[in-house]
Amino acid sequence: MIVRQREIGGQAGEYTTISYTDGAGHKVAIVEEGELAGSWVVREATSFNLRGKPQSKWHSYQISSANIPDFPQLWPAGRPAL
């Protein structure tokens, strides 16, 4: 789900937040615009095991992308295989 909010009401400029979910409806990650142009902050990144229970969680981290990042860009190196 993509949410765009005005930074200042009535003026141009938006703050974008993206929420990624898996096929079972689990929240996999939340991505927000960083302070610098082209930077994004990934929060609450989580992978789930085959029973639908959280398997791994990561601290917040930054990625770079000119546009809204695609899902494969979100996972940190070393993500466990499911």
N, C-alpha and C. Protein backbone atom coordinates (compact mmCIF):
# COMPACT_ATOMS: atom_id res chain seq x y z
N MET A 1 0.84 -1.14 0.00
CA MET A 1 0.00 0.00 0.00
C MET A 1 0.91 1.23 0.00
N ILE A 2 0.58 2.19 -0.82
CA ILE A 2 1.36 3.43 -0.89
C ILE A 2 0.51 4.56 -0.31
N VAL A 3 1.09 5.30 0.62
CA VAL A 3 0.41 6.45 1.22
C VAL A 3 1.25 7.68 0.93
N ARG A 4 0.59 8.68 0.36
CA ARG A 4 1.26 9.97 0.08
C ARG A 4 0.58 11.05 0.90
N GLN A 5 1.37 11.76 1.69
CA GLN A 5 0.84 12.83 2.53
C GLN A 5 1.53 14.14 2.17
N ARG A 6 0.78 15.22 2.20
CA ARG A 6 1.37 16.54 1.95
C ARG A 6 2.31 16.90 3.09
N GLU A 7 3.48 17.42 2.72
CA GLU A 7 4.41 17.89 3.76
C GLU A 7 3.86 19.13 4.44
N ILE A 8 3.32 20.04 3.64
CA ILE A 8 2.67 21.25 4.14
C ILE A 8 1.35 21.38 3.40
N GLY A 9 0.25 21.46 4.12
CA GLY A 9 -1.07 21.50 3.51
C GLY A 9 -1.20 22.60 2.47
N GLY A 10 -1.79 22.23 1.31
CA GLY A 10 -2.04 23.19 0.25
C GLY A 10 -0.83 23.50 -0.62
N GLN A 11 0.32 22.89 -0.36
CA GLN A 11 1.50 23.16 -1.15
C GLN A 11 2.00 21.87 -1.80
N ALA A 12 2.82 22.04 -2.81
CA ALA A 12 3.41 20.87 -3.48
C ALA A 12 4.39 20.19 -2.53
N GLY A 13 4.67 18.94 -2.79
CA GLY A 13 5.61 18.19 -1.95
C GLY A 13 4.88 17.14 -1.15
N GLU A 14 5.31 15.90 -1.32
CA GLU A 14 4.66 14.79 -0.63
C GLU A 14 5.67 13.97 0.16
N TYR A 15 5.20 13.32 1.21
CA TYR A 15 5.98 12.38 1.99
C TYR A 15 5.36 11.01 1.72
N THR A 16 6.15 10.08 1.18
CA THR A 16 5.63 8.79 0.75
C THR A 16 6.03 7.69 1.73
N THR A 17 5.06 6.84 2.07
CA THR A 17 5.28 5.66 2.90
C THR A 17 4.70 4.46 2.17
N ILE A 18 5.44 3.36 2.12
CA ILE A 18 5.01 2.15 1.44
C ILE A 18 5.00 1.00 2.44
N SER A 19 3.93 0.22 2.43
CA SER A 19 3.83 -0.96 3.29
C SER A 19 3.76 -2.18 2.38
N TYR A 20 4.69 -3.11 2.56
CA TYR A 20 4.72 -4.35 1.78
C TYR A 20 4.17 -5.49 2.61
N THR A 21 3.32 -6.33 2.00
CA THR A 21 2.77 -7.51 2.67
C THR A 21 3.02 -8.74 1.81
N ASP A 22 2.97 -9.91 2.44
CA ASP A 22 3.11 -11.15 1.67
C ASP A 22 1.71 -11.66 1.30
N GLY A 23 1.65 -12.80 0.66
CA GLY A 23 0.38 -13.35 0.21
C GLY A 23 -0.58 -13.72 1.33
N ALA A 24 -0.07 -13.91 2.54
CA ALA A 24 -0.92 -14.25 3.69
C ALA A 24 -1.36 -13.00 4.45
N GLY A 25 -0.96 -11.81 3.98
CA GLY A 25 -1.34 -10.57 4.64
C GLY A 25 -0.41 -10.12 5.75
N HIS A 26 0.72 -10.81 5.93
CA HIS A 26 1.70 -10.38 6.95
C HIS A 26 2.44 -9.14 6.46
N LYS A 27 2.64 -8.18 7.36
CA LYS A 27 3.42 -7.00 7.02
C LYS A 27 4.89 -7.41 6.95
N VAL A 28 5.49 -7.25 5.77
CA VAL A 28 6.87 -7.68 5.54
C VAL A 28 7.85 -6.53 5.76
N ALA A 29 7.46 -5.31 5.41
CA ALA A 29 8.34 -4.16 5.60
C ALA A 29 7.55 -2.87 5.42
N ILE A 30 8.04 -1.82 6.05
CA ILE A 30 7.53 -0.47 5.84
C ILE A 30 8.70 0.36 5.33
N VAL A 31 8.47 1.11 4.26
CA VAL A 31 9.52 1.92 3.65
C VAL A 31 9.05 3.37 3.64
N GLU A 32 9.93 4.26 4.11
CA GLU A 32 9.61 5.69 4.15
C GLU A 32 10.70 6.47 3.43
N GLU A 33 10.34 7.63 2.92
CA GLU A 33 11.34 8.50 2.31
C GLU A 33 12.38 8.89 3.33
N GLY A 34 13.65 8.91 2.90
CA GLY A 34 14.72 9.39 3.77
C GLY A 34 14.81 10.90 3.70
N GLU A 35 15.74 11.45 4.44
CA GLU A 35 15.89 12.91 4.46
C GLU A 35 16.54 13.43 3.18
N LEU A 36 17.37 12.61 2.55
CA LEU A 36 18.02 13.01 1.30
C LEU A 36 17.25 12.47 0.11
N ALA A 37 17.26 13.21 -0.98
CA ALA A 37 16.57 12.76 -2.19
C ALA A 37 17.16 11.42 -2.65
N GLY A 38 16.28 10.49 -3.00
CA GLY A 38 16.73 9.18 -3.48
C GLY A 38 17.08 8.19 -2.38
N SER A 39 16.89 8.56 -1.12
CA SER A 39 17.16 7.60 -0.03
C SER A 39 15.84 7.19 0.61
N TRP A 40 15.80 5.94 1.03
CA TRP A 40 14.61 5.36 1.65
C TRP A 40 15.02 4.64 2.92
N VAL A 41 14.17 4.68 3.94
CA VAL A 41 14.44 3.99 5.19
C VAL A 41 13.48 2.80 5.28
N VAL A 42 14.05 1.60 5.43
CA VAL A 42 13.26 0.38 5.57
C VAL A 42 13.13 0.08 7.06
N ARG A 43 11.89 -0.01 7.53
CA ARG A 43 11.62 -0.30 8.94
C ARG A 43 10.81 -1.59 9.04
N GLU A 44 10.91 -2.24 10.16
CA GLU A 44 10.10 -3.42 10.47
C GLU A 44 10.21 -4.51 9.40
N ALA A 45 11.39 -4.71 8.82
CA ALA A 45 11.58 -5.78 7.83
C ALA A 45 11.54 -7.12 8.56
N THR A 46 10.68 -8.00 8.10
CA THR A 46 10.45 -9.29 8.75
C THR A 46 10.26 -10.37 7.71
N SER A 47 10.82 -11.55 7.95
CA SER A 47 10.50 -12.70 7.12
C SER A 47 9.77 -13.71 8.00
N PHE A 48 8.96 -14.54 7.37
CA PHE A 48 8.13 -15.49 8.10
C PHE A 48 8.47 -16.91 7.69
N ASN A 49 8.30 -17.85 8.63
CA ASN A 49 8.56 -19.25 8.31
C ASN A 49 7.32 -19.86 7.65
N LEU A 50 7.38 -21.13 7.33
CA LEU A 50 6.27 -21.78 6.64
C LEU A 50 5.00 -21.87 7.47
N ARG A 51 5.11 -21.70 8.77
CA ARG A 51 3.92 -21.71 9.64
C ARG A 51 3.34 -20.31 9.82
N GLY A 52 3.93 -19.33 9.18
CA GLY A 52 3.44 -17.97 9.27
C GLY A 52 3.92 -17.21 10.49
N LYS A 53 4.89 -17.74 11.20
CA LYS A 53 5.44 -17.08 12.38
C LYS A 53 6.69 -16.28 11.97
N PRO A 54 6.95 -15.14 12.64
CA PRO A 54 8.14 -14.37 12.30
C PRO A 54 9.41 -15.21 12.47
N GLN A 55 10.24 -15.20 11.43
CA GLN A 55 11.49 -15.97 11.46
C GLN A 55 12.68 -15.06 11.73
N SER A 56 12.71 -13.92 11.05
CA SER A 56 13.81 -12.97 11.22
C SER A 56 13.27 -11.55 11.17
N LYS A 57 13.89 -10.67 11.97
CA LYS A 57 13.56 -9.25 11.95
C LYS A 57 14.86 -8.47 11.86
N TRP A 58 14.83 -7.34 11.17
CA TRP A 58 16.02 -6.51 11.01
C TRP A 58 15.78 -5.13 11.58
N HIS A 59 16.86 -4.51 12.04
CA HIS A 59 16.80 -3.11 12.46
C HIS A 59 16.58 -2.26 11.22
N SER A 60 16.19 -1.02 11.42
CA SER A 60 16.00 -0.10 10.30
C SER A 60 17.30 0.09 9.54
N TYR A 61 17.20 0.24 8.23
CA TYR A 61 18.37 0.48 7.40
C TYR A 61 17.96 1.30 6.19
N GLN A 62 18.95 1.90 5.51
CA GLN A 62 18.70 2.77 4.37
C GLN A 62 19.06 2.07 3.07
N ILE A 63 18.29 2.40 2.01
CA ILE A 63 18.61 1.96 0.66
C ILE A 63 18.51 3.18 -0.25
N SER A 64 19.08 3.09 -1.44
CA SER A 64 19.01 4.18 -2.41
C SER A 64 18.19 3.74 -3.60
N SER A 65 17.31 4.60 -4.05
CA SER A 65 16.49 4.34 -5.22
C SER A 65 15.89 5.66 -5.68
N ALA A 66 15.99 5.94 -6.98
CA ALA A 66 15.43 7.19 -7.50
C ALA A 66 13.91 7.18 -7.43
N ASN A 67 13.30 6.01 -7.59
CA ASN A 67 11.85 5.88 -7.54
C ASN A 67 11.46 5.04 -6.33
N ILE A 68 10.17 4.77 -6.19
CA ILE A 68 9.72 3.89 -5.11
C ILE A 68 10.43 2.54 -5.29
N PRO A 69 11.10 2.05 -4.26
CA PRO A 69 11.90 0.82 -4.41
C PRO A 69 11.03 -0.42 -4.67
N ASP A 70 11.52 -1.28 -5.55
CA ASP A 70 10.87 -2.57 -5.80
C ASP A 70 11.15 -3.48 -4.61
N PHE A 71 10.29 -4.46 -4.43
CA PHE A 71 10.43 -5.36 -3.29
C PHE A 71 11.80 -6.03 -3.19
N PRO A 72 12.39 -6.55 -4.28
CA PRO A 72 13.71 -7.22 -4.13
C PRO A 72 14.82 -6.30 -3.62
N GLN A 73 14.68 -4.99 -3.74
CA GLN A 73 15.69 -4.06 -3.24
C GLN A 73 15.68 -3.95 -1.72
N LEU A 74 14.62 -4.39 -1.08
CA LEU A 74 14.45 -4.16 0.36
C LEU A 74 15.28 -5.07 1.24
N TRP A 75 15.49 -6.32 0.84
CA TRP A 75 16.11 -7.28 1.75
C TRP A 75 17.59 -7.03 1.90
N PRO A 76 18.06 -7.03 3.13
CA PRO A 76 19.49 -6.85 3.36
C PRO A 76 20.25 -8.10 2.91
N ALA A 77 21.53 -7.93 2.65
CA ALA A 77 22.36 -9.07 2.28
C ALA A 77 22.32 -10.09 3.42
N GLY A 78 22.26 -11.35 3.08
CA GLY A 78 22.24 -12.37 4.10
C GLY A 78 20.84 -12.78 4.54
N ARG A 79 19.82 -12.35 3.82
CA ARG A 79 18.46 -12.76 4.16
C ARG A 79 18.37 -14.27 4.11
N PRO A 80 17.81 -14.89 5.16
CA PRO A 80 17.73 -16.36 5.16
C PRO A 80 16.79 -16.88 4.09
N ALA A 81 17.15 -17.99 3.48
CA ALA A 81 16.28 -18.62 2.49
C ALA A 81 15.10 -19.26 3.20
N LEU A 82 13.96 -19.22 2.57
CA LEU A 82 12.75 -19.83 3.17
C LEU A 82 12.60 -21.24 2.71
